[in-house]
N, C-alpha and C. Protein backbone atom coordinates (compact mmCIF):
# COMPACT_ATOMS: atom_id res chain seq x y z
N UNK A 1 34.01 -87.34 -167.01
CA UNK A 1 34.17 -87.81 -168.42
C UNK A 1 34.15 -86.48 -169.49
N UNK A 2 33.08 -85.78 -169.38
CA UNK A 2 33.11 -84.50 -170.33
C UNK A 2 34.06 -83.46 -169.66
N UNK A 3 34.40 -83.47 -168.46
CA UNK A 3 35.45 -82.47 -168.02
C UNK A 3 36.81 -82.81 -168.81
N UNK A 4 37.04 -84.13 -168.84
CA UNK A 4 38.22 -84.77 -169.61
C UNK A 4 38.28 -84.28 -170.88
N UNK A 5 37.01 -84.43 -171.59
CA UNK A 5 36.97 -84.10 -172.96
C UNK A 5 37.18 -82.74 -173.26
N UNK A 6 36.80 -81.79 -172.27
CA UNK A 6 36.94 -80.29 -172.44
C UNK A 6 38.28 -80.05 -172.38
N UNK A 7 38.99 -80.54 -171.35
CA UNK A 7 40.63 -80.34 -171.18
C UNK A 7 41.27 -80.83 -172.65
N UNK A 8 40.95 -82.09 -173.08
CA UNK A 8 41.47 -82.47 -174.40
C UNK A 8 41.23 -81.60 -175.67
N UNK A 9 40.11 -81.11 -175.67
CA UNK A 9 39.68 -80.02 -176.60
C UNK A 9 40.53 -78.81 -176.29
N UNK A 10 40.73 -78.31 -175.18
CA UNK A 10 41.45 -77.14 -175.22
C UNK A 10 42.98 -77.37 -175.42
N UNK A 11 43.53 -78.51 -175.25
CA UNK A 11 44.85 -78.82 -175.52
C UNK A 11 45.03 -78.97 -177.07
N UNK A 12 44.15 -79.21 -177.79
CA UNK A 12 44.06 -79.18 -179.35
C UNK A 12 44.43 -78.06 -179.92
N UNK A 13 44.13 -76.83 -179.38
CA UNK A 13 44.26 -75.52 -179.83
C UNK A 13 43.59 -75.53 -181.15
N UNK A 14 42.58 -76.19 -181.19
CA UNK A 14 41.61 -75.86 -182.48
C UNK A 14 40.95 -74.60 -182.54
N UNK A 15 40.65 -74.06 -183.80
CA UNK A 15 39.96 -72.85 -183.82
C UNK A 15 38.54 -73.00 -183.35
N UNK A 16 38.14 -71.97 -182.75
CA UNK A 16 36.66 -72.05 -182.40
C UNK A 16 35.61 -72.05 -183.62
N UNK A 17 36.29 -71.20 -184.62
CA UNK A 17 35.52 -71.07 -185.75
C UNK A 17 36.53 -71.42 -186.94
N UNK A 18 36.01 -72.00 -187.98
CA UNK A 18 36.76 -72.28 -189.20
C UNK A 18 36.43 -71.49 -190.43
N UNK A 19 37.61 -71.15 -191.08
CA UNK A 19 37.42 -70.20 -192.19
C UNK A 19 36.74 -71.10 -193.34
N UNK A 20 36.00 -70.47 -194.22
CA UNK A 20 35.50 -71.11 -195.25
C UNK A 20 36.59 -71.65 -196.24
N UNK A 21 37.72 -70.93 -196.40
CA UNK A 21 38.72 -71.45 -197.27
C UNK A 21 39.51 -72.75 -196.68
N UNK A 22 39.45 -72.67 -195.27
CA UNK A 22 40.07 -74.02 -194.65
C UNK A 22 39.17 -75.17 -194.93
N UNK A 23 37.86 -75.00 -194.61
CA UNK A 23 36.84 -76.20 -194.87
C UNK A 23 36.84 -76.65 -196.42
N UNK A 24 37.03 -75.52 -197.30
CA UNK A 24 37.01 -75.92 -198.78
C UNK A 24 37.98 -76.71 -198.94
N UNK A 25 39.32 -76.42 -198.44
CA UNK A 25 40.66 -77.34 -198.83
C UNK A 25 40.43 -78.65 -198.10
N UNK A 26 39.67 -78.84 -196.96
CA UNK A 26 39.67 -80.08 -196.32
C UNK A 26 38.56 -80.83 -197.04
N UNK A 27 37.52 -80.26 -197.46
CA UNK A 27 36.58 -81.04 -198.35
C UNK A 27 37.19 -81.56 -199.67
N UNK A 28 37.93 -80.65 -200.23
CA UNK A 28 38.54 -81.11 -201.57
C UNK A 28 39.45 -82.30 -201.23
N UNK A 29 40.45 -82.04 -200.30
CA UNK A 29 41.44 -83.04 -200.28
C UNK A 29 40.99 -84.33 -199.55
N UNK A 30 40.43 -84.07 -198.42
CA UNK A 30 39.90 -85.46 -197.68
C UNK A 30 38.76 -86.25 -198.41
N UNK A 31 37.84 -85.62 -198.89
CA UNK A 31 36.61 -86.15 -199.33
C UNK A 31 36.45 -86.01 -200.91
N UNK A 32 37.54 -85.63 -201.48
CA UNK A 32 37.62 -85.42 -203.08
C UNK A 32 36.32 -84.78 -203.50
N UNK A 33 35.82 -83.81 -202.86
CA UNK A 33 34.62 -83.04 -203.16
C UNK A 33 34.99 -82.10 -204.23
N UNK A 34 33.99 -81.98 -205.03
CA UNK A 34 33.92 -81.09 -206.22
C UNK A 34 33.04 -80.10 -206.09
N UNK A 35 33.60 -78.75 -206.26
CA UNK A 35 32.91 -77.69 -205.95
C UNK A 35 31.87 -77.36 -207.22
N UNK A 36 30.60 -77.17 -206.82
CA UNK A 36 29.73 -76.65 -207.77
C UNK A 36 29.08 -75.40 -207.52
N UNK A 37 28.48 -74.71 -208.32
CA UNK A 37 27.89 -73.46 -208.24
C UNK A 37 26.70 -73.47 -207.12
N UNK A 38 26.56 -72.51 -206.35
CA UNK A 38 25.59 -72.57 -205.36
C UNK A 38 24.08 -72.52 -205.90
N UNK A 39 24.06 -71.90 -207.11
CA UNK A 39 22.80 -71.84 -207.59
C UNK A 39 22.36 -73.22 -208.15
N UNK A 40 23.03 -74.32 -208.09
CA UNK A 40 22.42 -75.58 -208.13
C UNK A 40 21.61 -76.00 -207.18
N UNK A 41 21.45 -75.26 -206.16
CA UNK A 41 20.46 -75.52 -205.02
C UNK A 41 19.62 -74.40 -204.78
N UNK A 42 19.17 -73.94 -205.82
CA UNK A 42 17.98 -72.82 -206.02
C UNK A 42 16.79 -73.27 -205.08
N UNK A 43 16.51 -74.58 -205.02
CA UNK A 43 15.36 -74.89 -204.26
C UNK A 43 15.26 -74.61 -202.95
N UNK A 44 16.56 -74.32 -202.30
CA UNK A 44 16.42 -73.92 -201.08
C UNK A 44 15.92 -72.51 -200.73
N UNK A 45 15.88 -71.52 -201.76
CA UNK A 45 15.33 -70.38 -201.62
C UNK A 45 13.98 -70.41 -201.26
N UNK A 46 13.02 -71.40 -201.52
CA UNK A 46 11.76 -71.56 -200.97
C UNK A 46 11.67 -72.06 -199.73
N UNK A 47 12.68 -72.71 -199.02
CA UNK A 47 12.82 -73.28 -197.74
C UNK A 47 12.55 -72.17 -196.66
N UNK A 48 11.55 -72.46 -195.93
CA UNK A 48 11.50 -71.21 -194.89
C UNK A 48 12.48 -71.43 -193.71
N UNK A 49 13.13 -72.59 -193.71
CA UNK A 49 13.98 -72.87 -192.51
C UNK A 49 15.46 -72.62 -192.98
N UNK A 50 15.63 -72.02 -194.19
CA UNK A 50 17.12 -72.00 -194.65
C UNK A 50 17.12 -70.54 -195.11
N UNK A 51 18.37 -69.85 -194.78
CA UNK A 51 18.69 -68.65 -195.31
C UNK A 51 19.72 -68.72 -196.64
N UNK A 52 19.05 -68.88 -197.71
CA UNK A 52 19.83 -69.21 -198.92
C UNK A 52 20.85 -67.99 -199.14
N UNK A 53 20.53 -66.84 -198.72
CA UNK A 53 21.61 -65.80 -198.86
C UNK A 53 22.85 -65.97 -198.07
N UNK A 54 22.86 -66.99 -197.11
CA UNK A 54 24.23 -67.24 -196.53
C UNK A 54 25.04 -68.38 -197.27
N UNK A 55 24.51 -68.96 -198.00
CA UNK A 55 25.28 -69.97 -199.00
C UNK A 55 26.37 -69.48 -199.76
N UNK A 56 27.62 -69.89 -199.34
CA UNK A 56 28.78 -69.48 -200.08
C UNK A 56 29.59 -70.51 -200.95
N UNK A 57 29.54 -71.72 -200.54
CA UNK A 57 30.13 -72.55 -201.39
C UNK A 57 29.34 -74.03 -201.21
N UNK A 58 29.53 -74.88 -202.22
CA UNK A 58 28.67 -76.12 -202.37
C UNK A 58 29.51 -77.17 -203.04
N UNK A 59 29.34 -78.36 -202.83
CA UNK A 59 30.11 -79.39 -203.32
C UNK A 59 29.22 -80.85 -203.51
N UNK A 60 29.94 -81.45 -204.46
CA UNK A 60 29.29 -82.80 -204.55
C UNK A 60 30.47 -83.75 -204.11
N UNK A 61 30.10 -84.80 -203.32
CA UNK A 61 30.99 -85.96 -202.97
C UNK A 61 30.54 -87.09 -203.54
N UNK A 62 31.05 -87.76 -204.64
CA UNK A 62 30.58 -88.79 -205.31
C UNK A 62 31.67 -89.86 -205.55
N UNK A 63 32.88 -89.71 -205.09
CA UNK A 63 33.88 -90.79 -205.10
C UNK A 63 33.39 -92.11 -204.31
N UNK A 64 33.28 -93.18 -205.16
CA UNK A 64 32.78 -94.38 -204.44
C UNK A 64 33.44 -94.79 -203.21
N UNK A 65 34.95 -94.72 -203.29
CA UNK A 65 35.65 -95.21 -202.37
C UNK A 65 35.49 -94.41 -200.98
N UNK A 66 35.50 -93.02 -201.37
CA UNK A 66 35.19 -92.06 -200.14
C UNK A 66 34.02 -92.26 -199.49
N UNK A 67 32.84 -92.52 -200.44
CA UNK A 67 31.45 -92.57 -199.70
C UNK A 67 31.52 -94.11 -199.08
N UNK A 68 32.01 -95.20 -199.54
CA UNK A 68 31.98 -96.33 -199.01
C UNK A 68 32.73 -96.33 -197.45
N UNK A 69 33.87 -95.53 -197.52
CA UNK A 69 34.57 -95.25 -196.23
C UNK A 69 33.68 -94.30 -195.19
N UNK A 70 32.80 -93.62 -195.67
CA UNK A 70 32.06 -92.62 -194.73
C UNK A 70 30.97 -93.42 -194.21
N UNK A 71 30.39 -94.24 -194.98
CA UNK A 71 28.98 -94.74 -194.45
C UNK A 71 29.16 -95.79 -193.43
N UNK A 72 28.57 -95.81 -192.46
CA UNK A 72 28.53 -96.94 -191.42
C UNK A 72 27.98 -98.02 -192.00
N UNK A 73 28.07 -99.37 -191.24
CA UNK A 73 27.44 -100.50 -191.83
C UNK A 73 25.93 -100.34 -191.81
N UNK A 74 25.35 -99.89 -190.79
CA UNK A 74 23.90 -99.63 -190.68
C UNK A 74 23.52 -98.65 -192.01
N UNK A 75 24.23 -97.48 -192.27
CA UNK A 75 23.80 -96.63 -193.41
C UNK A 75 23.90 -97.46 -194.66
N UNK A 76 25.02 -98.40 -194.72
CA UNK A 76 25.17 -98.98 -196.10
C UNK A 76 23.86 -100.08 -196.17
N UNK A 77 23.43 -100.58 -195.13
CA UNK A 77 22.34 -101.75 -195.17
C UNK A 77 21.00 -100.70 -195.55
N UNK A 78 20.85 -99.41 -195.03
CA UNK A 78 19.86 -98.66 -195.34
C UNK A 78 19.86 -98.19 -196.86
N UNK A 79 21.00 -97.98 -197.35
CA UNK A 79 21.18 -97.51 -198.81
C UNK A 79 20.85 -98.63 -199.66
N UNK A 80 21.33 -99.90 -199.20
CA UNK A 80 20.84 -101.21 -200.04
C UNK A 80 19.50 -101.47 -200.11
N UNK A 81 18.85 -101.27 -198.91
CA UNK A 81 17.29 -101.37 -198.98
C UNK A 81 16.71 -100.30 -199.87
N UNK A 82 17.04 -99.27 -199.74
CA UNK A 82 16.71 -98.06 -200.71
C UNK A 82 16.75 -98.45 -202.26
N UNK A 83 18.02 -98.87 -202.49
CA UNK A 83 18.18 -99.35 -203.86
C UNK A 83 17.32 -100.54 -204.32
N UNK A 84 17.11 -101.29 -203.27
CA UNK A 84 16.22 -102.64 -203.84
C UNK A 84 14.77 -102.09 -203.93
N UNK A 85 14.35 -101.01 -203.16
CA UNK A 85 12.97 -100.47 -203.21
C UNK A 85 12.88 -99.80 -204.55
N UNK A 86 13.76 -98.91 -204.80
CA UNK A 86 13.87 -98.18 -206.13
C UNK A 86 13.80 -99.11 -207.40
N UNK A 87 14.41 -100.38 -207.29
CA UNK A 87 14.46 -101.19 -208.41
C UNK A 87 13.13 -101.98 -208.48
N UNK A 88 12.51 -102.26 -207.47
CA UNK A 88 11.13 -102.87 -207.27
C UNK A 88 10.17 -102.00 -207.95
N UNK A 89 10.15 -100.61 -207.50
CA UNK A 89 9.21 -99.63 -207.97
C UNK A 89 9.34 -99.37 -209.49
N UNK A 90 10.57 -99.45 -210.14
CA UNK A 90 10.75 -99.51 -211.41
C UNK A 90 10.44 -100.51 -212.24
N UNK A 91 10.54 -101.71 -211.69
CA UNK A 91 10.08 -103.05 -212.16
C UNK A 91 8.60 -103.01 -212.21
N UNK A 92 7.85 -102.42 -211.23
CA UNK A 92 6.44 -102.58 -211.25
C UNK A 92 5.86 -101.35 -212.06
N UNK A 93 6.62 -100.48 -212.54
CA UNK A 93 6.16 -99.27 -213.32
C UNK A 93 5.81 -98.22 -212.46
N UNK A 94 6.08 -98.18 -211.18
CA UNK A 94 5.56 -97.26 -210.24
C UNK A 94 6.61 -95.95 -210.09
N UNK A 95 7.60 -96.24 -210.67
CA UNK A 95 8.74 -95.28 -210.74
C UNK A 95 9.43 -95.27 -212.01
N UNK A 96 9.36 -94.26 -212.73
CA UNK A 96 10.06 -94.31 -214.08
C UNK A 96 11.52 -93.88 -214.15
N UNK A 97 12.08 -94.41 -215.07
CA UNK A 97 13.79 -93.81 -215.21
C UNK A 97 13.49 -92.34 -215.78
N UNK A 98 14.42 -91.45 -215.40
CA UNK A 98 14.49 -90.10 -215.74
C UNK A 98 14.84 -90.26 -217.16
N UNK A 99 14.39 -89.51 -218.09
CA UNK A 99 14.69 -89.29 -219.55
C UNK A 99 15.41 -87.97 -219.71
N UNK A 100 16.52 -88.15 -220.64
CA UNK A 100 17.13 -86.81 -220.79
C UNK A 100 16.27 -85.62 -221.58
N UNK A 101 15.18 -86.14 -222.06
CA UNK A 101 14.39 -84.94 -222.46
C UNK A 101 13.40 -84.38 -221.50
N UNK A 102 13.34 -85.14 -220.26
CA UNK A 102 12.63 -84.38 -219.22
C UNK A 102 13.22 -83.12 -218.78
N UNK A 103 12.32 -82.15 -218.46
CA UNK A 103 12.85 -80.81 -218.21
C UNK A 103 13.56 -80.89 -216.79
N UNK A 104 13.38 -81.48 -215.98
CA UNK A 104 14.22 -81.52 -214.57
C UNK A 104 15.03 -82.83 -214.60
N UNK A 105 15.54 -83.46 -215.74
CA UNK A 105 16.41 -84.45 -215.78
C UNK A 105 17.58 -84.54 -214.80
N UNK A 106 18.31 -83.56 -214.77
CA UNK A 106 19.47 -83.49 -213.99
C UNK A 106 19.12 -83.68 -212.41
N UNK A 107 18.14 -82.83 -212.13
CA UNK A 107 17.65 -82.86 -210.73
C UNK A 107 17.03 -84.31 -210.31
N UNK A 108 16.40 -84.94 -211.27
CA UNK A 108 15.70 -86.24 -211.06
C UNK A 108 17.05 -87.48 -210.79
N UNK A 109 17.98 -87.25 -211.72
CA UNK A 109 19.23 -88.14 -211.61
C UNK A 109 19.90 -87.86 -210.21
N UNK A 110 20.12 -86.49 -209.84
CA UNK A 110 20.81 -86.06 -208.69
C UNK A 110 19.96 -86.76 -207.28
N UNK A 111 18.66 -86.66 -207.35
CA UNK A 111 17.74 -87.33 -206.30
C UNK A 111 17.87 -88.85 -206.19
N UNK A 112 18.05 -89.35 -207.18
CA UNK A 112 18.10 -90.78 -207.58
C UNK A 112 19.58 -91.07 -206.88
N UNK A 113 20.46 -90.50 -207.23
CA UNK A 113 21.89 -90.67 -206.75
C UNK A 113 21.91 -90.45 -205.21
N UNK A 114 21.18 -89.45 -204.84
CA UNK A 114 21.27 -89.16 -203.22
C UNK A 114 20.65 -90.42 -202.48
N UNK A 115 19.49 -90.95 -203.17
CA UNK A 115 18.67 -91.92 -202.53
C UNK A 115 19.61 -93.31 -202.46
N UNK A 116 20.36 -93.53 -203.63
CA UNK A 116 21.07 -94.67 -203.66
C UNK A 116 22.43 -94.52 -203.00
N UNK A 117 22.71 -93.46 -202.37
CA UNK A 117 24.17 -93.43 -201.59
C UNK A 117 25.13 -93.17 -202.58
N UNK A 118 25.05 -92.85 -203.67
CA UNK A 118 26.21 -92.50 -204.66
C UNK A 118 26.54 -91.05 -204.77
N UNK A 119 25.89 -90.17 -203.92
CA UNK A 119 26.11 -88.74 -204.00
C UNK A 119 25.69 -88.11 -202.66
N UNK A 120 26.44 -87.25 -202.26
CA UNK A 120 26.31 -86.31 -201.15
C UNK A 120 26.70 -84.81 -201.44
N UNK A 121 25.74 -84.16 -201.24
CA UNK A 121 25.75 -82.55 -201.51
C UNK A 121 26.17 -81.95 -200.11
N UNK A 122 27.14 -81.16 -200.17
CA UNK A 122 27.27 -80.21 -198.97
C UNK A 122 27.27 -78.65 -199.32
N UNK A 123 26.60 -77.88 -198.51
CA UNK A 123 26.48 -76.54 -198.78
C UNK A 123 26.98 -75.89 -197.62
N UNK A 124 28.07 -74.98 -197.76
CA UNK A 124 28.57 -74.13 -196.50
C UNK A 124 27.80 -72.91 -196.42
N UNK A 125 27.50 -72.62 -195.35
CA UNK A 125 26.99 -71.23 -195.00
C UNK A 125 27.79 -70.49 -194.29
N UNK A 126 27.82 -69.05 -194.57
CA UNK A 126 28.55 -68.17 -193.88
C UNK A 126 27.83 -66.81 -193.81
N UNK A 127 27.59 -66.36 -192.53
CA UNK A 127 26.95 -65.10 -192.44
C UNK A 127 27.82 -64.00 -192.75
N UNK A 128 29.10 -64.03 -192.44
CA UNK A 128 30.12 -62.99 -192.72
C UNK A 128 30.85 -63.10 -193.93
N UNK A 129 30.68 -64.28 -194.54
CA UNK A 129 31.50 -64.60 -195.70
C UNK A 129 32.86 -64.99 -195.54
N UNK A 130 33.27 -65.09 -194.35
CA UNK A 130 34.50 -65.44 -193.93
C UNK A 130 34.73 -66.71 -193.23
N UNK A 131 33.92 -66.97 -192.11
CA UNK A 131 33.72 -68.00 -191.26
C UNK A 131 32.54 -68.81 -191.57
N UNK A 132 32.76 -70.28 -191.59
CA UNK A 132 31.45 -71.23 -191.60
C UNK A 132 30.61 -70.85 -190.40
N UNK A 133 29.32 -70.55 -190.75
CA UNK A 133 28.36 -70.40 -189.73
C UNK A 133 27.31 -71.45 -189.87
N UNK A 134 27.13 -72.34 -190.73
CA UNK A 134 26.23 -73.48 -190.83
C UNK A 134 26.41 -74.38 -192.07
N UNK A 135 25.57 -75.32 -192.32
CA UNK A 135 25.73 -76.11 -193.50
C UNK A 135 24.58 -76.84 -193.81
N UNK A 136 24.34 -77.33 -195.04
CA UNK A 136 23.38 -78.17 -195.53
C UNK A 136 23.95 -79.48 -195.99
N UNK A 137 23.34 -80.54 -195.93
CA UNK A 137 23.70 -81.75 -196.41
C UNK A 137 22.46 -82.45 -197.20
N UNK A 138 22.61 -82.85 -198.50
CA UNK A 138 21.57 -83.74 -198.97
C UNK A 138 22.22 -84.89 -199.39
N UNK A 139 21.50 -86.02 -199.33
CA UNK A 139 21.86 -87.46 -199.68
C UNK A 139 21.49 -88.41 -198.70
N UNK A 140 22.08 -89.67 -198.66
CA UNK A 140 21.74 -90.62 -197.62
C UNK A 140 22.48 -90.16 -196.42
N UNK A 141 21.82 -90.54 -195.32
CA UNK A 141 22.34 -90.23 -194.06
C UNK A 141 23.86 -90.55 -193.83
N UNK A 142 24.69 -89.80 -193.39
CA UNK A 142 26.04 -90.07 -193.25
C UNK A 142 26.61 -89.33 -192.11
N UNK A 143 26.44 -90.09 -190.97
CA UNK A 143 26.73 -89.51 -189.72
C UNK A 143 28.10 -88.95 -189.58
N UNK A 144 29.06 -89.67 -189.99
CA UNK A 144 30.54 -89.30 -189.96
C UNK A 144 30.77 -87.84 -190.63
N UNK A 145 30.31 -87.74 -191.73
CA UNK A 145 30.42 -86.41 -192.50
C UNK A 145 29.51 -85.30 -191.56
N UNK A 146 28.48 -85.60 -191.29
CA UNK A 146 27.52 -84.62 -190.40
C UNK A 146 28.39 -84.23 -189.25
N UNK A 147 28.91 -85.00 -188.40
CA UNK A 147 29.73 -84.61 -187.41
C UNK A 147 30.87 -83.84 -187.62
N UNK A 148 31.57 -84.19 -188.64
CA UNK A 148 32.80 -83.37 -189.11
C UNK A 148 32.33 -81.90 -189.49
N UNK A 149 31.16 -81.92 -190.18
CA UNK A 149 30.62 -80.48 -190.61
C UNK A 149 30.26 -79.71 -189.30
N UNK A 150 29.79 -80.48 -188.41
CA UNK A 150 29.35 -79.86 -187.08
C UNK A 150 30.67 -79.19 -186.29
N UNK A 151 31.73 -79.91 -186.54
CA UNK A 151 32.92 -79.43 -186.01
C UNK A 151 33.47 -78.00 -186.69
N UNK A 152 33.28 -78.19 -188.03
CA UNK A 152 33.75 -77.18 -188.85
C UNK A 152 32.82 -75.78 -188.51
N UNK A 153 31.45 -76.24 -188.12
CA UNK A 153 30.64 -74.90 -187.88
C UNK A 153 31.28 -74.21 -186.65
N UNK A 154 31.91 -75.06 -185.92
CA UNK A 154 32.66 -74.40 -184.73
C UNK A 154 31.57 -74.04 -183.37
N UNK A 155 32.16 -73.48 -182.55
CA UNK A 155 31.41 -73.04 -181.19
C UNK A 155 31.90 -71.71 -180.95
N UNK A 156 30.90 -70.99 -180.40
CA UNK A 156 31.17 -69.69 -179.79
C UNK A 156 32.43 -70.02 -178.50
N UNK A 157 33.46 -69.12 -178.33
CA UNK A 157 34.00 -69.29 -176.99
C UNK A 157 33.28 -69.31 -175.71
N UNK A 158 32.28 -68.38 -175.84
CA UNK A 158 31.31 -68.10 -174.72
C UNK A 158 30.62 -69.53 -174.30
N UNK A 159 30.31 -70.18 -175.27
CA UNK A 159 29.70 -71.48 -174.88
C UNK A 159 30.55 -72.62 -174.31
N UNK A 160 31.91 -72.36 -174.36
CA UNK A 160 32.83 -73.36 -173.90
C UNK A 160 32.98 -73.27 -172.42
N UNK A 161 31.87 -73.61 -171.73
CA UNK A 161 31.65 -73.70 -170.19
C UNK A 161 31.06 -74.99 -169.81
N UNK A 162 31.98 -75.67 -168.82
CA UNK A 162 31.43 -76.89 -168.34
C UNK A 162 29.90 -76.97 -168.12
N UNK A 163 29.15 -78.07 -168.61
CA UNK A 163 27.87 -78.26 -168.17
C UNK A 163 26.97 -77.45 -169.20
N UNK A 164 27.47 -76.73 -170.18
CA UNK A 164 26.70 -76.15 -171.17
C UNK A 164 26.43 -77.16 -172.32
N UNK A 165 24.88 -77.39 -172.51
CA UNK A 165 24.61 -78.36 -173.50
C UNK A 165 25.22 -78.28 -174.83
N UNK A 166 25.27 -76.88 -175.29
CA UNK A 166 25.94 -76.68 -176.63
C UNK A 166 27.47 -77.19 -176.59
N UNK A 167 28.17 -76.98 -175.57
CA UNK A 167 29.48 -77.51 -175.46
C UNK A 167 29.34 -79.09 -175.58
N UNK A 168 28.61 -79.69 -174.67
CA UNK A 168 28.59 -81.21 -174.80
C UNK A 168 28.26 -81.66 -176.08
N UNK A 169 27.52 -81.11 -176.87
CA UNK A 169 27.15 -81.38 -178.32
C UNK A 169 28.45 -81.17 -179.06
N UNK A 170 28.95 -80.24 -178.89
CA UNK A 170 30.20 -79.98 -179.72
C UNK A 170 31.34 -81.00 -179.49
N UNK A 171 31.53 -81.24 -178.14
CA UNK A 171 32.63 -82.33 -177.68
C UNK A 171 32.17 -83.59 -178.48
N UNK A 172 30.84 -83.98 -178.44
CA UNK A 172 30.44 -85.20 -178.82
C UNK A 172 30.73 -85.25 -180.39
N UNK A 173 30.53 -84.26 -181.07
CA UNK A 173 30.78 -84.16 -182.63
C UNK A 173 32.24 -84.29 -182.73
N UNK A 174 33.18 -83.87 -181.83
CA UNK A 174 34.60 -83.89 -182.00
C UNK A 174 35.02 -85.20 -181.89
N UNK A 175 34.37 -86.00 -180.87
CA UNK A 175 34.71 -87.44 -180.63
C UNK A 175 34.26 -88.14 -181.97
N UNK A 176 32.91 -88.07 -182.33
CA UNK A 176 32.33 -88.85 -183.40
C UNK A 176 33.18 -88.54 -184.75
N UNK A 177 33.72 -87.40 -184.92
CA UNK A 177 34.47 -86.95 -186.05
C UNK A 177 36.06 -87.38 -186.00
N UNK A 178 36.45 -87.90 -184.88
CA UNK A 178 37.77 -88.43 -184.73
C UNK A 178 38.82 -87.31 -184.09
N UNK A 179 38.45 -86.24 -183.76
CA UNK A 179 39.35 -85.24 -183.31
C UNK A 179 39.67 -85.42 -181.94
N UNK A 180 38.96 -86.17 -181.09
CA UNK A 180 39.08 -86.36 -179.58
C UNK A 180 38.88 -87.95 -179.45
N UNK A 181 39.51 -88.51 -178.43
CA UNK A 181 39.25 -89.80 -177.96
C UNK A 181 38.80 -89.72 -176.54
N UNK A 182 37.70 -90.41 -176.43
CA UNK A 182 37.11 -90.46 -174.92
C UNK A 182 37.98 -91.12 -174.02
C-alpha cells in the first residue's frame, strides 16, 4: 500500500519543497486568506517551542463558506459545543464580552473567533526566507488545512526512502490533503 503511494507520489512530480510565494498564492486563491502583518503574532516571541525569527508570512482565513468546507462534521460539532459553552458562560456572567475600551480588545475578539470556528490564522515559517520550512496554525482544529500545510512544508529528498516514518507521515498528509488517492 505505502509502496503504491510512494510510486504515485513520484509520478506527481511535486516539488519536495514549496516556495513561500507558491504557498502564498495558494492560500490567497484557494482559501481566500488575507495576509496580515507577522507582528500580529508577537505572543509567539515568548513561546520556547517556536522560532519567531523564521516567521515570514501570516494570514487570516475567515470566509464562512471556505471555513464550512474545511471543517469535518466532527470538527463542526466540536465548534458548536464550544459556541454553546461560551454562550452559557456569558449568560452566567463567567465570561464577559470584550469591550472596545479594553486594552487587548482585538486579541480577545480574535481568540473568541478562533474558539467559535470563525477564524483560522496561518503563519508560514522559512529558515532561508525562500522555502516553507514550517508553519503555525491558530483556531479551531481543522485537519484538512493542517494536512495541506504539512504538504507545503515538504519533505527532504533524502527522507523519501521506503519504510521511513517521515515519508509515511508525508504520504499520509498527501492523501488527506487530496493530492494522492489510496
